[in-house]
C-alpha cells in the first residue's frame, strides 16, 4: 500500500506547485511587462529492482510564456514598450545583467534611468544610464536617448546614451527569483540593433486571467483526488492489519 501512498503524494506535490504558479500569474495580471509562468511536471517511470510498474510525477525546469502582451498608449515620455521580440537590459541588485520588458522608467536621485522597481537601465557601454538635468527627453525606436539639457535653447540637443536591447533565443532564457529573465549561457548578451521600442507605450501582462483561474480550479480538483487516494491507501492498510490480527 505504501507504493500507492507515494504515487499519490508525488501527484499532490505537483498540484500544489501548479497552484502556486497559477496564483502568482493571476496576482500579476495587471503588472506591466509580466510574463506568465508555466506549471511544468510530467510522468516519470521508476526503474530499479523488480518490474518498472510505478510512475511518479516529476518536476521539470520551470518555463515562461514569453509571448508579447498588449501595447497600451500612455503618452508619457519615459514609458517604453518593446515592439515585437526583444528585451531591455537592466542591472540587478548583485550587479549582474538581467532582462525585462517592464518599460515604466523613472529618474532616481542619482539621475540614473531606472525601472519602476528601481533597477538601473543598462546602456550599450555596459554601465547604468546617467542623464543630466533636462527639460525634454525623447527615446528613439532604436533606444537612443536624446534630450535638451536644462537651461539650453531649443536647438541644443544632446545624445545621452542608448538603451541596450537584446534579442536572445527564448529557449535560452529562464526567469530568476527576482522576476527578471536570465540567459542560460551565463554570459551577457550582445546588443541587437534590430530590436525596436515604442515611446509613450507600456506592454501589459500576457496573463490570461480566465485560463489561470481555470487552472487553479483544475489543480484543486486534482489535489483532492490525490488526497482521496492517500486516504484510500490508509484505509486499505488498516484493513490489512486487521486481517493479520485475526489470523
Protein backbone atom coordinates (compact mmCIF):
# COMPACT_ATOMS: atom_id res chain seq x y z
CA UNK A 1 0.00 0.00 0.00
CA UNK A 2 2.97 2.31 0.55
CA UNK A 3 3.51 2.43 -3.23
CA UNK A 4 0.05 3.91 -3.77
CA UNK A 5 0.71 6.41 -0.98
CA UNK A 6 3.94 7.67 -2.56
CA UNK A 7 2.38 7.86 -6.02
CA UNK A 8 -0.47 9.99 -4.71
CA UNK A 9 1.92 12.11 -2.65
CA UNK A 10 4.08 12.98 -5.70
CA UNK A 11 0.97 13.95 -7.66
CA UNK A 12 -0.36 16.13 -4.83
CA UNK A 13 3.00 17.88 -4.57
CA UNK A 14 2.94 18.82 -8.26
CA UNK A 15 -0.65 20.03 -7.95
CA UNK A 16 0.41 22.34 -5.11
CA UNK A 17 3.28 23.73 -7.21
CA UNK A 18 0.89 24.27 -10.12
CA UNK A 19 -1.49 26.12 -7.78
CA UNK A 20 1.34 28.44 -6.74
CA UNK A 21 2.26 29.18 -10.37
CA UNK A 22 -1.34 29.92 -11.37
CA UNK A 23 -1.94 32.07 -8.28
CA UNK A 24 1.23 34.10 -8.93
CA UNK A 25 0.23 34.64 -12.55
CA UNK A 26 -3.25 35.78 -11.54
CA UNK A 27 -1.78 38.18 -8.96
CA UNK A 28 0.37 39.77 -11.70
CA UNK A 29 -2.37 40.05 -14.33
CA UNK A 30 -2.02 43.85 -14.22
CA UNK A 31 1.78 44.02 -13.79
CA UNK A 32 3.48 45.84 -16.66
CA UNK A 33 5.58 43.54 -18.84
CA UNK A 34 4.95 40.45 -16.69
CA UNK A 35 5.39 37.07 -18.39
CA UNK A 36 3.30 34.19 -17.08
CA UNK A 37 4.94 31.08 -15.63
CA UNK A 38 4.03 27.59 -16.79
CA UNK A 39 3.46 24.68 -14.45
CA UNK A 40 5.97 22.04 -15.53
CA UNK A 41 5.60 18.39 -14.49
CA UNK A 42 5.47 15.03 -16.26
CA UNK A 43 5.04 11.35 -15.53
CA UNK A 44 8.34 9.56 -14.90
CA UNK A 45 8.61 5.79 -14.72
CA UNK A 46 10.66 4.39 -11.83
CA UNK A 47 13.33 1.86 -12.77
CA UNK A 48 15.08 -0.46 -10.36
CA UNK A 49 14.68 -3.90 -8.87
CA UNK A 50 11.53 -5.69 -9.96
CA UNK A 51 9.11 -4.57 -12.63
CA UNK A 52 9.05 -0.95 -13.79
CA UNK A 53 5.39 -0.59 -12.86
CA UNK A 54 5.41 2.64 -10.87
CA UNK A 55 5.09 6.11 -12.41
CA UNK A 56 5.69 9.21 -10.30
CA UNK A 57 5.07 12.89 -11.04
CA UNK A 58 8.38 14.65 -11.67
CA UNK A 59 9.06 18.38 -11.58
CA UNK A 60 10.77 19.83 -14.64
CA UNK A 61 12.64 23.09 -15.10
CA UNK A 62 10.10 25.94 -14.85
CA UNK A 63 9.24 27.58 -18.15
CA UNK A 64 7.90 31.03 -19.01
CA UNK A 65 5.46 32.17 -21.66
CA UNK A 66 7.42 34.91 -23.48
CA UNK A 67 4.66 35.95 -25.86
CA UNK A 68 4.00 39.68 -26.12
CA UNK A 69 1.29 41.47 -24.24
CA UNK A 70 -0.92 44.28 -25.50
CA UNK A 71 0.62 47.73 -26.03
CA UNK A 72 -1.12 50.43 -24.01
CA UNK A 73 -0.63 54.07 -25.00
CA UNK A 74 0.24 56.37 -22.10
CA UNK A 75 1.78 59.40 -23.81
CA UNK A 76 4.45 59.57 -21.09
CA UNK A 77 7.94 60.25 -22.45
CA UNK A 78 9.68 57.76 -20.16
CA UNK A 79 7.29 54.91 -20.88
CA UNK A 80 8.61 52.44 -23.45
CA UNK A 81 7.45 49.10 -24.83
CA UNK A 82 9.35 46.55 -26.89
CA UNK A 83 7.72 46.22 -30.32
CA UNK A 84 7.85 42.52 -31.14
CA UNK A 85 10.71 40.32 -29.95
CA UNK A 86 13.49 41.56 -27.70
CA UNK A 87 14.32 42.60 -24.14
CA UNK A 88 15.71 45.60 -22.30
CA UNK A 89 18.89 45.06 -20.29
CA UNK A 90 18.90 46.11 -16.63
CA UNK A 91 21.36 45.74 -13.76
CA UNK A 92 20.35 43.50 -10.89
CA UNK A 93 20.99 44.31 -7.24
CA UNK A 94 24.00 41.95 -7.31
CA UNK A 95 25.48 43.75 -10.35
CA UNK A 96 24.67 41.05 -12.91
CA UNK A 97 22.73 41.65 -16.10
CA UNK A 98 19.04 40.80 -16.35
CA UNK A 99 16.38 41.30 -18.99
CA UNK A 100 12.97 42.86 -18.66
CA UNK A 101 10.09 44.26 -20.71
CA UNK A 102 8.70 46.43 -17.91
CA UNK A 103 9.15 49.84 -19.50
CA UNK A 104 7.73 52.23 -16.89
CA UNK A 105 11.02 54.10 -16.46
CA UNK A 106 11.93 56.70 -13.83
CA UNK A 107 14.80 59.04 -12.95
CA UNK A 108 16.21 58.35 -9.46
CA UNK A 109 18.02 60.71 -7.08
CA UNK A 110 21.38 59.88 -8.71
CA UNK A 111 20.00 60.92 -12.14
CA UNK A 112 20.05 57.31 -13.29
CA UNK A 113 17.42 55.89 -15.61
CA UNK A 114 15.77 53.08 -13.64
CA UNK A 115 12.82 50.70 -13.93
CA UNK A 116 9.70 51.03 -11.82
CA UNK A 117 11.31 48.69 -9.26
CA UNK A 118 14.45 50.86 -9.08
CA UNK A 119 16.85 48.75 -11.15
CA UNK A 120 19.27 50.77 -13.34
CA UNK A 121 18.75 50.51 -17.08
CA UNK A 122 21.93 49.45 -18.90
CA UNK A 123 23.42 51.45 -21.74
CA UNK A 124 25.35 49.98 -24.64
CA UNK A 125 28.56 50.61 -22.72
CA UNK A 126 27.50 48.06 -20.10
CA UNK A 127 27.04 50.68 -17.36
CA UNK A 128 23.94 52.38 -15.91
CA UNK A 129 22.48 55.20 -17.98
CA UNK A 130 23.01 58.52 -16.20
CA UNK A 131 21.25 61.63 -17.52
CA UNK A 132 22.00 65.29 -16.84
CA UNK A 133 19.13 67.56 -15.77
CA UNK A 134 16.90 68.10 -18.78
CA UNK A 135 13.82 69.95 -19.94
CA UNK A 136 12.77 67.49 -22.60
CA UNK A 137 13.66 63.89 -23.43
CA UNK A 138 12.96 61.60 -26.36
CA UNK A 139 13.67 57.88 -26.72
CA UNK A 140 14.01 56.74 -30.34
CA UNK A 141 12.84 53.41 -31.70
CA UNK A 142 16.40 52.03 -31.51
CA UNK A 143 16.79 53.08 -27.85
CA UNK A 144 18.89 56.21 -28.41
CA UNK A 145 18.10 58.83 -25.75
CA UNK A 146 18.10 62.43 -26.93
CA UNK A 147 17.44 65.29 -24.53
CA UNK A 148 17.52 69.06 -24.24
CA UNK A 149 19.65 69.99 -21.20
CA UNK A 150 18.13 72.22 -18.57
CA UNK A 151 18.57 75.91 -19.42
CA UNK A 152 19.68 75.31 -23.02
CA UNK A 153 17.93 76.56 -26.15
CA UNK A 154 15.60 74.50 -28.26
CA UNK A 155 18.38 73.87 -30.80
CA UNK A 156 20.73 72.40 -28.19
CA UNK A 157 20.15 68.65 -28.23
CA UNK A 158 22.34 66.03 -26.56
CA UNK A 159 22.56 62.33 -27.35
CA UNK A 160 22.92 60.96 -23.83
CA UNK A 161 23.13 57.19 -24.33
CA UNK A 162 21.41 54.20 -25.92
CA UNK A 163 19.38 51.59 -24.06
CA UNK A 164 20.90 48.15 -24.51
CA UNK A 165 18.35 45.97 -26.30
CA UNK A 166 18.89 42.26 -26.84
CA UNK A 167 17.02 39.54 -28.71
CA UNK A 168 18.11 36.08 -27.50
CA UNK A 169 16.57 32.75 -28.39
CA UNK A 170 13.60 32.35 -25.97
CA UNK A 171 14.69 28.75 -25.37
CA UNK A 172 17.89 30.01 -23.68
CA UNK A 173 16.05 32.26 -21.20
CA UNK A 174 14.64 31.43 -17.79
CA UNK A 175 13.09 33.57 -15.09
CA UNK A 176 15.11 34.22 -11.93
CA UNK A 177 13.76 34.60 -8.37
CA UNK A 178 13.66 38.39 -8.86
CA UNK A 179 11.32 38.09 -11.84
CA UNK A 180 13.96 39.10 -14.38
CA UNK A 181 14.90 36.90 -17.30
CA UNK A 182 18.40 35.39 -17.35
CA UNK A 183 20.42 33.95 -20.18
CA UNK A 184 21.12 30.25 -19.82
CA UNK A 185 24.59 30.84 -21.30
CA UNK A 186 25.57 32.76 -18.11
CA UNK A 187 27.28 35.47 -20.19
CA UNK A 188 26.00 38.97 -21.04
CA UNK A 189 24.21 39.08 -24.38
CA UNK A 190 25.27 41.29 -27.25
CA UNK A 191 23.12 44.27 -28.17
CA UNK A 192 20.81 43.75 -31.14
CA UNK A 193 20.30 46.87 -33.26
CA UNK A 194 17.22 45.34 -34.90
CA UNK A 195 15.12 45.43 -31.72
CA UNK A 196 12.64 48.30 -31.76
CA UNK A 197 10.79 50.10 -28.98
CA UNK A 198 7.82 52.44 -28.89
CA UNK A 199 7.98 55.51 -26.69
CA UNK A 200 4.83 56.56 -24.88
CA UNK A 201 3.55 52.97 -24.60
CA UNK A 202 3.60 50.21 -21.99
CA UNK A 203 3.24 46.48 -22.53
CA UNK A 204 0.56 44.79 -20.48
CA UNK A 205 0.97 41.42 -18.81
CA UNK A 206 0.44 38.42 -21.09
CA UNK A 207 -1.52 36.59 -18.37
CA UNK A 208 -4.88 35.15 -19.44
CA UNK A 209 -6.90 35.59 -16.26
CA UNK A 210 -9.63 33.16 -17.32
CA UNK A 211 -7.10 30.46 -18.19
CA UNK A 212 -5.27 30.91 -14.88
CA UNK A 213 -8.49 30.76 -12.87
CA UNK A 214 -9.49 27.60 -14.72
CA UNK A 215 -6.06 26.14 -13.99
CA UNK A 216 -6.48 26.86 -10.27
CA UNK A 217 -9.84 25.06 -10.21
CA UNK A 218 -8.46 22.09 -12.16
CA UNK A 219 -5.39 21.77 -9.91
CA UNK A 220 -7.60 21.98 -6.82
CA UNK A 221 -9.76 19.09 -8.03
CA UNK A 222 -6.70 17.01 -8.91
CA UNK A 223 -5.23 17.70 -5.46
CA UNK A 224 -8.45 16.49 -3.82
CA UNK A 225 -8.28 13.31 -5.89
CA UNK A 226 -4.70 12.67 -4.77
CA UNK A 227 -5.68 13.19 -1.13
CA UNK A 228 -8.53 10.69 -1.54
CA UNK A 229 -6.04 8.18 -2.94
CA UNK A 230 -3.83 8.65 0.12
CA UNK A 231 -6.85 8.20 2.37
CA UNK A 232 -7.79 5.02 0.49
CA UNK A 233 -4.23 3.70 0.92
CA UNK A 234 -4.51 4.34 4.65
CA UNK A 235 -7.85 2.54 4.86
CA UNK A 236 -6.50 -0.44 2.90
CA UNK A 237 -3.50 -0.61 5.20
CA UNK A 238 -5.74 -0.60 8.30
CA UNK A 239 -7.93 -3.33 6.78
CA UNK A 240 -4.90 -5.48 6.00
CA UNK A 241 -3.59 -5.01 9.55
CA UNK A 242 -6.96 -6.09 10.96
CA UNK A 243 -6.93 -9.26 8.85
CA UNK A 244 -3.43 -10.12 10.09
CA UNK A 245 -4.57 -9.62 13.69
CA UNK A 246 -7.49 -12.00 13.17
CA UNK A 247 -5.21 -14.55 11.58
